[in-house]
Amino acid sequence: MIADPSLSKEQCRQALLCIFYCLLSVTACAQTGLAADDLFGVSFSDRQQGWACGRWGTILHTDNGGQTWSAQRSGTEVTLAGIHFTDQGNGWAVGDNGTILHTTNGGTTWKTQKSPVSFFMMDVFFATPHKGWAVTEQTTILATDDGGRTWKVQFSDEDLILKAVSFADPQNGWAVGEYGCIYYTSSGGETWQKQAGYFEISDENGEPTGAPFLFDVAAVDTRTAWVSGIDGYVASTCNGGVTWNRVRTGAPPAHLFSICTSPGGSIAVGGNGTLLVSIDKGCTWRMPELNPPVTYGWLYGITPKGTSGFAAVGWQGAMYLSDEHKDLAAWKAVDSRQ
């Protein structure tokens, strides 16, 4: 996008936000597939129990490792962008209009929790059934230490969008988003430190410039984390975020919306027509076989399922399950309309 030199930084930012939000509304009309609502988030509490969320308040549940799925009543019709379960009972889903939903019975019933802001909630993560965080617009991080009965604004900064949050334990976590912003806490969110990211308007030509947009983060331990973003961007840290190093995966320059790691050390990354896996902690990468392929579609959420397998969700209700063998070479599609 070329910016009008007469535009203010805020006007340029709003224009870029329009493009950014369009990523949540893209549909792959050229691809034949399941006629279902787009899915943006997925979470498994163990190898068998999993949940996915998406447009129009969609929440789906599986109790057999993703082979079949059934709809749950979320009680809302807003887009749900993120979902996270700590165990088979306790889970949270977040989305538009400050929506925060909670269940204590595996999604049989969902209840609304009160948010202190009305922003679009982009992601949610709980380190324990009591201690959790949600990230949203205007670089805002919400936190709770009572399972969401009360939420507070824990941190806010520049007027940018935070897209994802992930914690390695109740104290150490990262939040990432627009213009490469990376924030880190080692105190459970009592303080957040900016580790990366910038935005500016060129004095020479008036064009906005900045670090690559980041869509997702996966915290592995107190020193290790991974991020994925726009145009095939993947980076990692092995020193708690003191430095972030770009990782060359060999992938095409597609937007990479999701990244996650399994307890066994494997990594999966998904995005526009792209899926990547590494079984050696990012040293080498491959593009596994997808049947059917997602050439004209996208995968928006990926989560570990068991010790080595993964589940991925995306456009028009697409769902894929990886094999649970070491090489992760084959992924199969399942029907989310069960």
Protein backbone atom coordinates (compact mmCIF):
# COMPACT_ATOMS: atom_id res chain seq x y z
CA MET A 1 0.00 0.00 0.00
CA ILE A 2 1.32 3.47 -0.93
CA ALA A 3 0.41 6.13 1.60
CA ASP A 4 -0.69 9.65 0.74
CA PRO A 5 2.02 11.95 2.21
CA SER A 6 -0.74 14.16 3.59
CA LEU A 7 -2.14 11.34 5.75
CA SER A 8 -1.39 11.28 9.43
CA LYS A 9 0.18 8.27 11.13
CA GLU A 10 -3.22 7.40 12.57
CA GLN A 11 -4.91 7.53 9.15
CA CYS A 12 -2.23 5.30 7.67
CA ARG A 13 -2.59 2.91 10.57
CA GLN A 14 -6.36 2.73 10.10
CA ALA A 15 -5.93 2.01 6.40
CA LEU A 16 -3.53 -0.82 7.21
CA LEU A 17 -5.96 -2.13 9.83
CA CYS A 18 -8.60 -2.46 7.13
CA ILE A 19 -6.24 -4.69 5.16
CA PHE A 20 -5.36 -6.62 8.31
CA TYR A 21 -8.99 -7.29 9.24
CA CYS A 22 -9.71 -8.43 5.70
CA LEU A 23 -7.48 -11.41 6.46
CA LEU A 24 -10.19 -12.58 8.86
CA SER A 25 -12.87 -12.34 6.19
CA VAL A 26 -11.15 -13.90 3.18
CA THR A 27 -12.97 -16.86 1.68
CA ALA A 28 -11.53 -19.15 -0.94
CA CYS A 29 -14.37 -19.26 -3.44
CA ALA A 30 -12.21 -20.96 -6.04
CA GLN A 31 -11.59 -23.96 -3.81
CA THR A 32 -14.16 -26.72 -3.54
CA GLY A 33 -14.54 -28.04 -0.01
CA LEU A 34 -16.80 -28.16 3.00
CA ALA A 35 -19.58 -25.56 2.97
CA ALA A 36 -19.06 -24.59 6.60
CA ASP A 37 -18.17 -21.47 8.55
CA ASP A 38 -14.54 -20.40 8.78
CA LEU A 39 -12.67 -21.60 11.85
CA PHE A 40 -9.97 -19.49 13.54
CA GLY A 41 -9.01 -21.29 16.74
CA VAL A 42 -8.51 -24.83 18.00
CA SER A 43 -7.42 -26.34 21.32
CA PHE A 44 -7.00 -29.90 22.61
CA SER A 45 -6.82 -30.65 26.33
CA ASP A 46 -5.47 -34.13 25.62
CA ARG A 47 -5.21 -36.55 22.73
CA GLN A 48 -8.97 -37.10 22.43
CA GLN A 49 -10.77 -33.97 23.67
CA GLY A 50 -10.68 -30.91 21.40
CA TRP A 51 -12.59 -27.73 20.55
CA ALA A 52 -12.62 -25.29 17.60
CA CYS A 53 -14.18 -21.85 17.18
CA GLY A 54 -14.97 -19.45 14.35
CA ARG A 55 -17.56 -17.28 12.67
CA TRP A 56 -21.06 -16.64 13.97
CA GLY A 57 -20.20 -17.91 17.43
CA THR A 58 -19.31 -21.37 16.16
CA ILE A 59 -17.85 -23.77 18.72
CA LEU A 60 -17.26 -27.42 17.81
CA HIS A 61 -16.21 -30.32 20.03
CA THR A 62 -14.63 -33.72 19.48
CA ASP A 63 -14.14 -36.52 21.98
CA ASN A 64 -12.38 -38.94 19.63
CA GLY A 65 -9.25 -37.09 18.60
CA GLY A 66 -10.90 -35.05 15.87
CA GLN A 67 -12.40 -37.88 13.84
CA THR A 68 -15.91 -36.45 14.34
CA TRP A 69 -17.15 -33.09 15.63
CA SER A 70 -20.41 -31.78 17.07
CA ALA A 71 -21.65 -28.22 17.55
CA GLN A 72 -21.95 -26.64 20.99
CA ARG A 73 -24.24 -23.74 21.91
CA SER A 74 -22.01 -20.74 22.49
CA GLY A 75 -24.87 -18.28 23.09
CA THR A 76 -23.39 -15.68 20.73
CA GLU A 77 -23.22 -14.93 17.01
CA VAL A 78 -20.03 -12.86 17.03
CA THR A 79 -16.82 -14.14 15.48
CA LEU A 80 -14.75 -16.12 17.96
CA ALA A 81 -11.04 -15.79 17.18
CA GLY A 82 -9.36 -17.77 19.96
CA ILE A 83 -10.06 -20.72 22.22
CA HIS A 84 -8.06 -22.45 24.96
CA PHE A 85 -8.69 -25.36 27.33
CA THR A 86 -6.59 -26.25 30.36
CA ASP A 87 -8.31 -29.60 30.94
CA GLN A 88 -11.42 -31.50 29.86
CA GLY A 89 -13.69 -29.13 31.78
CA ASN A 90 -12.27 -25.63 31.79
CA GLY A 91 -12.08 -23.61 28.59
CA TRP A 92 -12.37 -20.05 27.29
CA ALA A 93 -13.25 -18.58 23.89
CA VAL A 94 -12.83 -14.92 22.90
CA GLY A 95 -13.89 -12.75 19.99
CA ASP A 96 -15.51 -9.59 18.69
CA ASN A 97 -17.17 -6.91 20.84
CA GLY A 98 -15.13 -7.81 23.92
CA THR A 99 -16.64 -11.30 24.02
CA ILE A 100 -15.21 -13.73 26.58
CA LEU A 101 -16.93 -17.09 27.07
CA HIS A 102 -16.16 -19.71 29.73
CA THR A 103 -17.15 -23.30 30.36
CA THR A 104 -16.47 -25.57 33.32
CA ASN A 105 -18.07 -28.67 31.80
CA GLY A 106 -16.30 -29.15 28.49
CA GLY A 107 -18.60 -26.84 26.57
CA THR A 108 -21.93 -28.38 27.51
CA THR A 109 -22.78 -24.86 28.67
CA TRP A 110 -20.93 -21.60 27.95
CA LYS A 111 -21.32 -18.45 30.04
CA THR A 112 -20.27 -14.89 29.28
CA GLN A 113 -17.56 -13.28 31.39
CA LYS A 114 -17.36 -9.50 31.70
CA SER A 115 -14.57 -7.77 29.83
CA PRO A 116 -13.32 -4.33 30.96
CA VAL A 117 -12.98 -3.31 27.27
CA SER A 118 -15.15 -3.78 24.19
CA PHE A 119 -12.30 -4.42 21.76
CA PHE A 120 -12.00 -7.40 19.42
CA MET A 121 -10.44 -10.15 21.55
CA MET A 122 -7.82 -11.83 19.36
CA ASP A 123 -6.48 -14.66 21.51
CA VAL A 124 -6.67 -16.23 24.97
CA PHE A 125 -4.29 -18.41 26.97
CA PHE A 126 -4.53 -19.95 30.44
CA ALA A 127 -1.47 -21.28 32.25
CA THR A 128 -3.70 -22.80 34.95
CA PRO A 129 -7.49 -23.06 35.37
CA HIS A 130 -7.29 -19.78 37.32
CA LYS A 131 -4.54 -17.69 35.72
CA GLY A 132 -5.05 -16.47 32.16
CA TRP A 133 -4.56 -13.67 29.64
CA ALA A 134 -6.32 -12.28 26.58
CA VAL A 135 -4.90 -9.92 23.95
CA THR A 136 -6.74 -7.40 21.84
CA GLU A 137 -6.64 -4.08 20.00
CA GLN A 138 -4.83 -0.96 21.21
CA THR A 139 -1.98 -3.13 22.50
CA THR A 140 -4.15 -4.20 25.41
CA ILE A 141 -3.51 -7.28 27.55
CA LEU A 142 -6.20 -8.49 29.96
CA ALA A 143 -5.49 -10.80 32.87
CA THR A 144 -7.37 -12.85 35.43
CA ASP A 145 -6.28 -14.87 38.44
CA ASP A 146 -9.71 -16.25 39.34
CA GLY A 147 -10.65 -18.17 36.22
CA GLY A 148 -12.19 -15.15 34.54
CA ARG A 149 -14.73 -14.18 37.17
CA THR A 150 -12.92 -10.85 37.06
CA TRP A 151 -10.72 -9.52 34.26
CA LYS A 152 -8.52 -6.43 34.44
CA VAL A 153 -6.44 -4.45 31.96
CA GLN A 154 -2.95 -5.57 32.89
CA PHE A 155 -1.03 -3.68 30.19
CA SER A 156 -1.58 -1.21 27.34
CA ASP A 157 0.81 0.60 25.02
CA GLU A 158 0.74 2.06 21.51
CA ASP A 159 -2.50 1.85 19.55
CA LEU A 160 -1.63 -1.37 17.72
CA ILE A 161 -3.18 -4.83 17.53
CA LEU A 162 -1.91 -7.74 19.56
CA LYS A 163 -2.74 -10.99 17.78
CA ALA A 164 -1.59 -13.81 20.04
CA VAL A 165 -0.40 -14.71 23.53
CA SER A 166 1.39 -17.79 24.87
CA PHE A 167 2.93 -18.71 28.23
CA ALA A 168 5.54 -21.33 29.04
CA ASP A 169 4.45 -21.32 32.71
CA PRO A 170 2.42 -18.99 34.96
CA GLN A 171 5.26 -16.44 35.02
CA ASN A 172 6.91 -16.43 31.58
CA GLY A 173 5.03 -15.48 28.42
CA TRP A 174 4.98 -13.51 25.19
CA ALA A 175 2.37 -11.45 23.32
CA VAL A 176 2.84 -10.50 19.64
CA GLY A 177 1.11 -8.56 16.91
CA GLU A 178 1.08 -5.70 14.46
CA TYR A 179 4.37 -4.30 13.09
CA GLY A 180 6.43 -7.03 14.67
CA CYS A 181 5.59 -6.09 18.25
CA ILE A 182 6.81 -8.62 20.80
CA TYR A 183 6.17 -8.14 24.51
CA TYR A 184 7.60 -10.38 27.22
CA THR A 185 6.88 -10.93 30.89
CA SER A 186 8.74 -12.95 33.51
CA SER A 187 6.41 -11.88 36.30
CA GLY A 188 3.06 -13.29 35.22
CA GLY A 189 2.24 -10.01 33.50
CA GLU A 190 2.91 -7.67 36.41
CA THR A 191 5.37 -6.00 34.04
CA TRP A 192 5.69 -6.37 30.25
CA GLN A 193 8.83 -5.49 28.30
CA LYS A 194 8.84 -4.66 24.58
CA GLN A 195 11.44 -6.80 22.85
CA ALA A 196 10.81 -6.02 19.18
CA GLY A 197 8.68 -4.12 16.68
CA TYR A 198 8.43 -0.66 15.14
CA PHE A 199 6.23 1.55 12.94
CA GLU A 200 7.03 4.85 11.24
CA ILE A 201 6.12 7.04 8.28
CA SER A 202 8.94 7.78 5.87
CA ASP A 203 9.88 11.47 5.74
CA GLU A 204 11.00 10.98 2.12
CA ASN A 205 7.92 9.49 0.49
CA GLY A 206 5.25 9.30 3.20
CA GLU A 207 5.05 5.50 3.03
CA PRO A 208 4.39 3.53 6.22
CA THR A 209 7.20 1.18 7.16
CA GLY A 210 7.57 -1.26 9.99
CA ALA A 211 8.60 -4.70 11.14
CA PRO A 212 6.75 -7.71 9.69
CA PHE A 213 3.26 -8.30 11.09
CA LEU A 214 3.22 -11.21 13.54
CA PHE A 215 0.18 -13.46 13.77
CA ASP A 216 1.11 -16.06 16.37
CA VAL A 217 3.54 -17.03 19.11
CA ALA A 218 4.35 -20.35 20.78
CA ALA A 219 6.19 -20.32 24.11
CA VAL A 220 8.22 -23.48 24.66
CA ASP A 221 10.05 -22.73 27.91
CA THR A 222 11.44 -19.74 29.79
CA ARG A 223 14.06 -19.10 27.09
CA THR A 224 12.55 -20.52 23.91
CA ALA A 225 9.67 -19.25 21.78
CA TRP A 226 8.61 -19.14 18.14
CA VAL A 227 6.67 -16.53 16.13
CA SER A 228 5.09 -16.56 12.66
CA GLY A 229 3.86 -13.72 10.50
CA ILE A 230 3.36 -12.06 7.16
CA ASP A 231 5.11 -13.15 3.94
CA GLY A 232 6.46 -16.43 5.29
CA TYR A 233 8.11 -14.89 8.32
CA VAL A 234 9.23 -17.28 11.09
CA ALA A 235 11.60 -16.38 13.93
CA SER A 236 12.71 -17.84 17.23
CA THR A 237 14.53 -16.97 20.42
CA CYS A 238 16.65 -19.20 22.62
CA ASN A 239 17.61 -16.56 25.19
CA GLY A 240 14.27 -15.36 26.52
CA GLY A 241 13.78 -12.86 23.71
CA VAL A 242 17.01 -10.90 24.12
CA THR A 243 17.50 -11.66 20.43
CA TRP A 244 15.07 -12.97 17.82
CA ASN A 245 16.51 -14.71 14.76
CA ARG A 246 14.68 -15.28 11.50
CA VAL A 247 14.38 -18.94 10.51
CA ARG A 248 14.55 -19.82 6.82
CA THR A 249 11.94 -22.52 6.29
CA GLY A 250 11.99 -22.59 2.49
CA ALA A 251 8.29 -21.75 2.43
CA PRO A 252 6.74 -19.47 -0.20
CA PRO A 253 6.02 -15.87 0.94
CA ALA A 254 2.55 -16.72 2.28
CA HIS A 255 1.02 -15.27 5.43
CA LEU A 256 1.63 -17.72 8.28
CA PHE A 257 -1.27 -17.34 10.71
CA SER A 258 -0.43 -20.02 13.26
CA ILE A 259 2.57 -21.72 14.84
CA CYS A 260 2.69 -24.30 17.63
CA THR A 261 4.97 -26.90 19.16
CA SER A 262 4.25 -30.35 20.49
CA PRO A 263 5.52 -31.77 23.79
CA GLY A 264 7.80 -33.97 21.69
CA GLY A 265 9.52 -30.96 20.13
CA SER A 266 7.88 -30.94 16.70
CA ILE A 267 6.74 -27.63 15.18
CA ALA A 268 3.81 -26.93 12.84
CA VAL A 269 3.11 -23.69 10.95
CA GLY A 270 0.03 -22.93 8.84
CA GLY A 271 -1.25 -20.10 6.68
CA ASN A 272 -2.37 -19.12 3.19
CA GLY A 273 -2.20 -22.33 1.17
CA THR A 274 0.74 -23.45 3.30
CA LEU A 275 1.57 -25.99 5.98
CA LEU A 276 5.09 -26.58 7.31
CA VAL A 277 6.42 -29.04 9.87
CA SER A 278 9.75 -29.64 11.57
CA ILE A 279 10.57 -32.70 13.64
CA ASP A 280 14.02 -31.48 14.74
CA LYS A 281 13.15 -28.25 16.59
CA GLY A 282 13.37 -26.08 13.49
CA CYS A 283 16.64 -27.26 12.01
CA THR A 284 14.95 -28.63 8.89
CA TRP A 285 11.46 -28.14 7.44
CA ARG A 286 9.12 -29.93 5.05
CA MET A 287 5.71 -29.37 3.50
CA PRO A 288 3.66 -32.48 4.30
CA GLU A 289 1.05 -33.92 1.99
CA LEU A 290 -2.47 -32.56 2.53
CA ASN A 291 -5.45 -34.38 1.10
CA PRO A 292 -7.20 -32.38 -0.23
CA PRO A 293 -4.63 -29.57 -0.57
CA VAL A 294 -5.25 -26.01 0.68
CA THR A 295 -3.72 -24.30 -2.35
CA TYR A 296 -6.54 -21.76 -2.60
CA GLY A 297 -7.49 -21.74 1.07
CA TRP A 298 -5.88 -21.11 4.44
CA LEU A 299 -5.24 -22.66 7.82
CA TYR A 300 -5.67 -20.23 10.73
CA GLY A 301 -5.31 -22.31 13.88
CA ILE A 302 -3.02 -25.22 14.78
CA THR A 303 -2.68 -27.01 18.10
CA PRO A 304 -0.79 -30.03 19.44
CA LYS A 305 -2.87 -33.18 19.87
CA GLY A 306 -1.13 -35.67 22.07
CA THR A 307 2.64 -35.91 22.24
CA SER A 308 3.43 -35.64 18.53
CA GLY A 309 0.28 -35.07 16.49
CA PHE A 310 -1.42 -31.82 15.48
CA ALA A 311 -4.86 -30.55 14.49
CA ALA A 312 -5.33 -27.61 12.10
CA VAL A 313 -8.46 -25.61 11.21
CA GLY A 314 -9.27 -22.87 8.73
CA TRP A 315 -11.30 -21.69 5.75
CA GLN A 316 -14.85 -22.94 5.28
CA GLY A 317 -14.61 -25.30 8.24
CA ALA A 318 -11.47 -27.05 7.00
CA MET A 319 -9.96 -29.49 9.51
CA TYR A 320 -6.82 -31.56 9.18
CA LEU A 321 -5.25 -34.10 11.52
CA SER A 322 -1.61 -35.08 11.32
CA ASP A 323 -0.37 -38.59 11.75
CA GLU A 324 1.19 -39.21 15.14
CA HIS A 325 4.29 -40.77 13.69
CA LYS A 326 7.62 -39.08 14.05
CA ASP A 327 7.86 -37.76 10.48
CA LEU A 328 4.40 -36.03 10.42
CA ALA A 329 4.40 -36.70 6.67
CA ALA A 330 0.67 -37.16 6.13
CA TRP A 331 -2.30 -35.04 7.19
CA LYS A 332 -5.90 -36.03 6.50
CA ALA A 333 -9.03 -33.89 6.26
CA VAL A 334 -12.04 -34.56 8.48
CA ASP A 335 -15.59 -33.27 8.11
CA SER A 336 -16.40 -30.56 10.66
CA ARG A 337 -20.15 -30.83 9.91
CA GLN A 338 -20.69 -34.05 11.86
